[in-house]
């Protein structure tokens, strides 16, 4: 293991190089991350994006996430993700602290203690330890990006292991995060993935953001003024926006405008 770590440390060019977007693809980057982590003994990994509390917590996007785990990509099998969200997530103390972390969090260090339901679930998947690593985003106000890494080492051994590799592993994952945001930002935007707003609603909001009045938008889209107002009202409800100006600002922050 020490030899492997030394070899991986000899890759500074990866972190410093200016990689063009067309040289990478979403799938290629995820495959590279998986290969790297497999060499370090990680069983699975996921790359996720959550919406922070400022966005309406009762919105359909949140419901979709809890129903299907729609915020997650990575090597964790879909069946495991769905079972976790359906039967385990609500019992896992992780969710009380995860959106607020600013440094890697080991599941074994959760202040509220481990959940036997969560522990037993992950042990059945061959996972004894979990670490959650937050990533900076273009809009820290609304988005929370993070990597979840799942390892087979017992908690005590994993803490020592992660301490040894985190100094270079976290910057490397940060670089991958930056590339993922550049090449496929749309891929991991839950409002786009889950089609929370219809294409017509998004089109209405683009025109609204350009300052067009309701009547002109209706004429251009061959809709009634009531129809345009309906789409704007629906978008405000999804985001919990106070008014149209607030709504446009929020949609811009989350990459919809």
Protein backbone atom coordinates (compact mmCIF):
# COMPACT_ATOMS: atom_id res chain seq x y z
CA UNK A 1 0.00 0.00 0.00
CA UNK A 2 2.78 2.48 0.85
CA UNK A 3 4.39 1.84 -2.55
CA UNK A 4 1.05 2.50 -4.28
CA UNK A 5 0.58 5.75 -2.38
CA UNK A 6 4.08 6.90 -3.34
CA UNK A 7 3.32 6.17 -6.99
CA UNK A 8 0.04 8.05 -6.90
CA UNK A 9 1.70 11.02 -5.22
CA UNK A 10 3.93 11.36 -8.30
CA UNK A 11 1.03 12.74 -10.35
CA UNK A 12 1.20 16.50 -9.66
CA UNK A 13 0.62 17.26 -13.33
CA UNK A 14 -2.96 16.04 -12.98
CA UNK A 15 -3.76 18.65 -10.36
CA UNK A 16 -1.90 21.52 -12.05
CA UNK A 17 -2.60 20.92 -15.73
CA UNK A 18 -5.20 22.94 -17.57
CA UNK A 19 -7.40 20.18 -18.94
CA UNK A 20 -9.70 21.15 -21.79
CA UNK A 21 -13.33 20.13 -21.43
CA UNK A 22 -13.40 18.19 -24.70
CA UNK A 23 -10.56 15.97 -23.48
CA UNK A 24 -12.81 14.58 -20.75
CA UNK A 25 -16.25 13.03 -20.56
CA UNK A 26 -18.55 12.45 -17.61
CA UNK A 27 -18.20 8.65 -17.85
CA UNK A 28 -14.43 8.79 -18.37
CA UNK A 29 -13.89 10.91 -15.26
CA UNK A 30 -16.10 8.69 -13.11
CA UNK A 31 -14.25 5.61 -14.37
CA UNK A 32 -10.89 7.17 -13.52
CA UNK A 33 -12.07 8.03 -10.01
CA UNK A 34 -13.34 4.48 -9.52
CA UNK A 35 -10.05 3.00 -10.72
CA UNK A 36 -8.04 5.25 -8.39
CA UNK A 37 -10.17 4.44 -5.35
CA UNK A 38 -10.20 0.71 -6.09
CA UNK A 39 -6.41 0.72 -5.88
CA UNK A 40 -6.75 2.11 -2.37
CA UNK A 41 -9.20 -0.58 -1.30
CA UNK A 42 -12.41 1.43 -1.47
CA UNK A 43 -15.43 -0.74 -2.21
CA UNK A 44 -17.61 2.00 -3.70
CA UNK A 45 -17.73 5.75 -4.21
CA UNK A 46 -20.43 8.27 -5.07
CA UNK A 47 -20.38 11.87 -6.25
CA UNK A 48 -23.45 13.78 -5.16
CA UNK A 49 -25.09 17.18 -5.17
CA UNK A 50 -27.68 18.33 -2.65
CA UNK A 51 -29.73 21.48 -2.56
CA UNK A 52 -29.19 23.52 0.57
CA UNK A 53 -31.93 24.70 2.94
CA UNK A 54 -32.53 27.98 1.12
CA UNK A 55 -34.37 26.12 -1.62
CA UNK A 56 -37.88 24.97 -0.67
CA UNK A 57 -37.35 21.79 1.38
CA UNK A 58 -40.81 20.51 0.47
CA UNK A 59 -40.20 20.91 -3.26
CA UNK A 60 -40.55 18.07 -5.72
CA UNK A 61 -36.78 17.98 -6.18
CA UNK A 62 -36.31 16.93 -2.56
CA UNK A 63 -39.07 14.36 -2.78
CA UNK A 64 -37.49 12.93 -5.93
CA UNK A 65 -34.11 12.68 -4.22
CA UNK A 66 -35.50 10.78 -1.27
CA UNK A 67 -37.63 8.50 -3.43
CA UNK A 68 -34.95 7.53 -5.91
CA UNK A 69 -31.58 8.80 -4.71
CA UNK A 70 -31.48 10.94 -7.84
CA UNK A 71 -28.59 13.08 -6.62
CA UNK A 72 -26.07 10.23 -6.79
CA UNK A 73 -23.66 8.98 -9.46
CA UNK A 74 -20.67 6.70 -9.01
CA UNK A 75 -19.96 3.00 -8.52
CA UNK A 76 -22.62 2.23 -5.91
CA UNK A 77 -25.20 -0.10 -7.55
CA UNK A 78 -28.60 1.46 -8.26
CA UNK A 79 -30.39 -1.21 -6.21
CA UNK A 80 -28.26 -0.36 -3.15
CA UNK A 81 -28.95 3.38 -3.59
CA UNK A 82 -32.70 2.89 -3.84
CA UNK A 83 -32.79 0.54 -0.84
CA UNK A 84 -30.75 2.99 1.23
CA UNK A 85 -33.01 5.95 0.47
CA UNK A 86 -36.17 3.90 0.93
CA UNK A 87 -35.33 2.04 4.16
CA UNK A 88 -32.22 3.51 5.79
CA UNK A 89 -31.65 7.22 5.08
CA UNK A 90 -34.27 8.45 7.51
CA UNK A 91 -32.56 6.49 10.30
CA UNK A 92 -29.03 7.67 9.48
CA UNK A 93 -27.74 10.51 11.73
CA UNK A 94 -25.48 11.51 8.86
CA UNK A 95 -28.23 13.63 7.30
CA UNK A 96 -28.43 15.93 10.30
CA UNK A 97 -24.86 17.15 9.77
CA UNK A 98 -23.82 16.35 6.19
CA UNK A 99 -25.00 19.56 4.42
CA UNK A 100 -23.08 21.70 6.94
CA UNK A 101 -19.67 20.01 6.89
CA UNK A 102 -16.61 21.92 5.67
CA UNK A 103 -14.03 19.13 6.07
CA UNK A 104 -14.01 15.35 5.55
CA UNK A 105 -16.42 13.59 7.91
CA UNK A 106 -15.91 10.00 9.01
CA UNK A 107 -19.21 8.28 9.75
CA UNK A 108 -17.64 6.81 12.89
CA UNK A 109 -17.18 10.31 14.30
CA UNK A 110 -20.82 11.42 14.08
CA UNK A 111 -21.67 13.27 17.28
CA UNK A 112 -25.17 11.80 17.44
CA UNK A 113 -23.74 8.31 17.26
CA UNK A 114 -24.04 5.58 14.72
CA UNK A 115 -27.38 4.17 13.68
CA UNK A 116 -27.57 0.39 13.98
CA UNK A 117 -29.91 0.41 10.98
CA UNK A 118 -27.35 2.24 8.84
CA UNK A 119 -24.41 0.20 10.18
CA UNK A 120 -26.11 -3.10 9.47
CA UNK A 121 -27.14 -1.98 6.00
CA UNK A 122 -23.62 -1.02 4.97
CA UNK A 123 -22.04 -4.10 6.56
CA UNK A 124 -24.25 -6.22 4.32
CA UNK A 125 -22.74 -4.37 1.35
CA UNK A 126 -19.19 -5.18 2.54
CA UNK A 127 -18.68 -1.64 3.88
CA UNK A 128 -17.25 -1.10 7.38
CA UNK A 129 -16.26 2.58 7.10
CA UNK A 130 -17.57 5.66 5.29
CA UNK A 131 -16.08 9.11 4.75
CA UNK A 132 -17.85 12.13 3.24
CA UNK A 133 -15.72 14.81 1.58
CA UNK A 134 -17.29 18.22 0.80
CA UNK A 135 -16.40 20.03 -2.42
CA UNK A 136 -16.66 23.73 -3.22
CA UNK A 137 -19.11 24.74 -5.92
CA UNK A 138 -19.74 27.81 -8.03
CA UNK A 139 -22.71 28.58 -5.83
CA UNK A 140 -22.08 27.45 -2.27
CA UNK A 141 -25.27 29.24 -1.32
CA UNK A 142 -27.51 26.68 -2.99
CA UNK A 143 -25.44 23.62 -3.84
CA UNK A 144 -23.59 21.15 -1.64
CA UNK A 145 -21.32 18.78 -3.58
CA UNK A 146 -19.55 15.90 -1.90
CA UNK A 147 -17.81 12.58 -2.45
CA UNK A 148 -18.84 9.55 -0.40
CA UNK A 149 -16.14 6.89 -0.09
CA UNK A 150 -16.91 3.41 1.23
CA UNK A 151 -14.16 1.15 2.60
CA UNK A 152 -13.93 -2.39 3.99
CA UNK A 153 -11.49 -1.51 6.78
CA UNK A 154 -12.90 -1.38 10.34
CA UNK A 155 -13.42 2.14 11.69
CA UNK A 156 -10.28 2.28 13.87
CA UNK A 157 -8.00 1.09 11.06
CA UNK A 158 -9.72 3.29 8.51
CA UNK A 159 -9.17 6.45 10.54
CA UNK A 160 -5.40 5.87 10.46
CA UNK A 161 -5.47 4.89 6.79
CA UNK A 162 -7.47 7.94 5.72
CA UNK A 163 -5.24 10.24 7.74
CA UNK A 164 -2.27 8.96 5.72
CA UNK A 165 -3.86 9.41 2.29
CA UNK A 166 -6.12 12.44 2.73
CA UNK A 167 -3.34 15.01 2.23
CA UNK A 168 -3.09 14.16 -1.46
CA UNK A 169 -6.36 12.27 -2.06
CA UNK A 170 -8.63 15.21 -1.17
CA UNK A 171 -6.86 17.64 -3.57
CA UNK A 172 -7.04 14.99 -6.29
CA UNK A 173 -10.77 14.49 -5.78
CA UNK A 174 -11.16 18.27 -5.76
CA UNK A 175 -9.54 18.40 -9.18
CA UNK A 176 -11.93 15.72 -10.45
CA UNK A 177 -14.82 17.70 -8.98
CA UNK A 178 -13.72 20.81 -10.90
CA UNK A 179 -13.57 18.83 -14.14
CA UNK A 180 -16.95 17.22 -13.54
CA UNK A 181 -18.47 20.66 -13.02
CA UNK A 182 -16.90 21.95 -16.24
CA UNK A 183 -17.64 19.09 -18.61
CA UNK A 184 -21.06 17.97 -17.49
CA UNK A 185 -22.61 20.41 -15.04
CA UNK A 186 -26.04 19.64 -16.47
CA UNK A 187 -25.60 15.93 -15.67
CA UNK A 188 -25.72 16.45 -11.92
CA UNK A 189 -28.22 19.29 -11.67
CA UNK A 190 -31.26 17.70 -9.98
CA UNK A 191 -33.64 20.34 -11.35
CA UNK A 192 -32.65 19.34 -14.87
CA UNK A 193 -32.20 15.59 -14.29
CA UNK A 194 -35.57 15.21 -12.62
CA UNK A 195 -37.32 17.59 -15.04
CA UNK A 196 -38.82 19.46 -12.08
CA UNK A 197 -39.70 22.34 -14.38
CA UNK A 198 -41.12 21.60 -17.82
CA UNK A 199 -39.30 22.85 -20.93
CA UNK A 200 -42.11 25.37 -21.46
CA UNK A 201 -41.79 26.63 -17.90
CA UNK A 202 -38.03 27.04 -18.33
CA UNK A 203 -38.60 28.88 -21.61
CA UNK A 204 -41.06 31.20 -19.88
CA UNK A 205 -38.53 31.89 -17.14
CA UNK A 206 -35.74 32.64 -19.63
CA UNK A 207 -37.93 35.28 -21.24
CA UNK A 208 -38.98 36.58 -17.82
CA UNK A 209 -35.33 36.92 -16.84
CA UNK A 210 -34.79 38.95 -20.03
CA UNK A 211 -37.40 41.42 -18.76
CA UNK A 212 -40.17 40.49 -21.17
CA UNK A 213 -43.73 41.22 -19.91
CA UNK A 214 -46.27 38.42 -19.57
CA UNK A 215 -48.31 39.53 -22.62
CA UNK A 216 -45.29 39.50 -24.94
CA UNK A 217 -44.18 36.07 -23.67
CA UNK A 218 -47.70 34.75 -24.26
CA UNK A 219 -47.69 36.08 -27.83
CA UNK A 220 -44.30 34.57 -28.63
CA UNK A 221 -45.17 31.14 -27.20
CA UNK A 222 -48.76 31.13 -28.46
CA UNK A 223 -50.07 30.73 -24.93
CA UNK A 224 -52.58 32.67 -22.87
CA UNK A 225 -51.43 35.20 -20.31
CA UNK A 226 -53.02 32.97 -17.66
CA UNK A 227 -50.86 30.10 -18.90
CA UNK A 228 -47.69 32.18 -18.58
CA UNK A 229 -48.69 33.26 -15.08
CA UNK A 230 -49.32 29.61 -14.18
CA UNK A 231 -45.77 28.60 -15.18
CA UNK A 232 -44.23 31.48 -13.23
CA UNK A 233 -46.34 30.65 -10.17
CA UNK A 234 -45.34 26.98 -10.38
CA UNK A 235 -41.65 27.87 -10.55
CA UNK A 236 -42.04 30.19 -7.54
CA UNK A 237 -43.66 27.33 -5.60
CA UNK A 238 -40.88 24.87 -6.48
CA UNK A 239 -38.18 27.28 -5.30
CA UNK A 240 -40.11 28.94 -2.50
CA UNK A 241 -39.35 32.31 -4.09
CA UNK A 242 -40.90 35.50 -2.70
CA UNK A 243 -41.38 37.19 -6.08
CA UNK A 244 -40.24 37.06 -9.70
CA UNK A 245 -36.97 38.88 -9.00
CA UNK A 246 -36.13 36.43 -6.22
CA UNK A 247 -37.11 33.51 -8.46
CA UNK A 248 -34.88 34.65 -11.32
CA UNK A 249 -31.98 35.05 -8.90
CA UNK A 250 -32.47 31.55 -7.48
CA UNK A 251 -32.81 29.92 -10.90
CA UNK A 252 -29.63 31.66 -12.03
CA UNK A 253 -27.78 30.37 -8.98
CA UNK A 254 -28.76 26.75 -9.68
CA UNK A 255 -27.82 26.87 -13.37
CA UNK A 256 -31.28 27.01 -14.91
CA UNK A 257 -30.83 30.50 -16.38
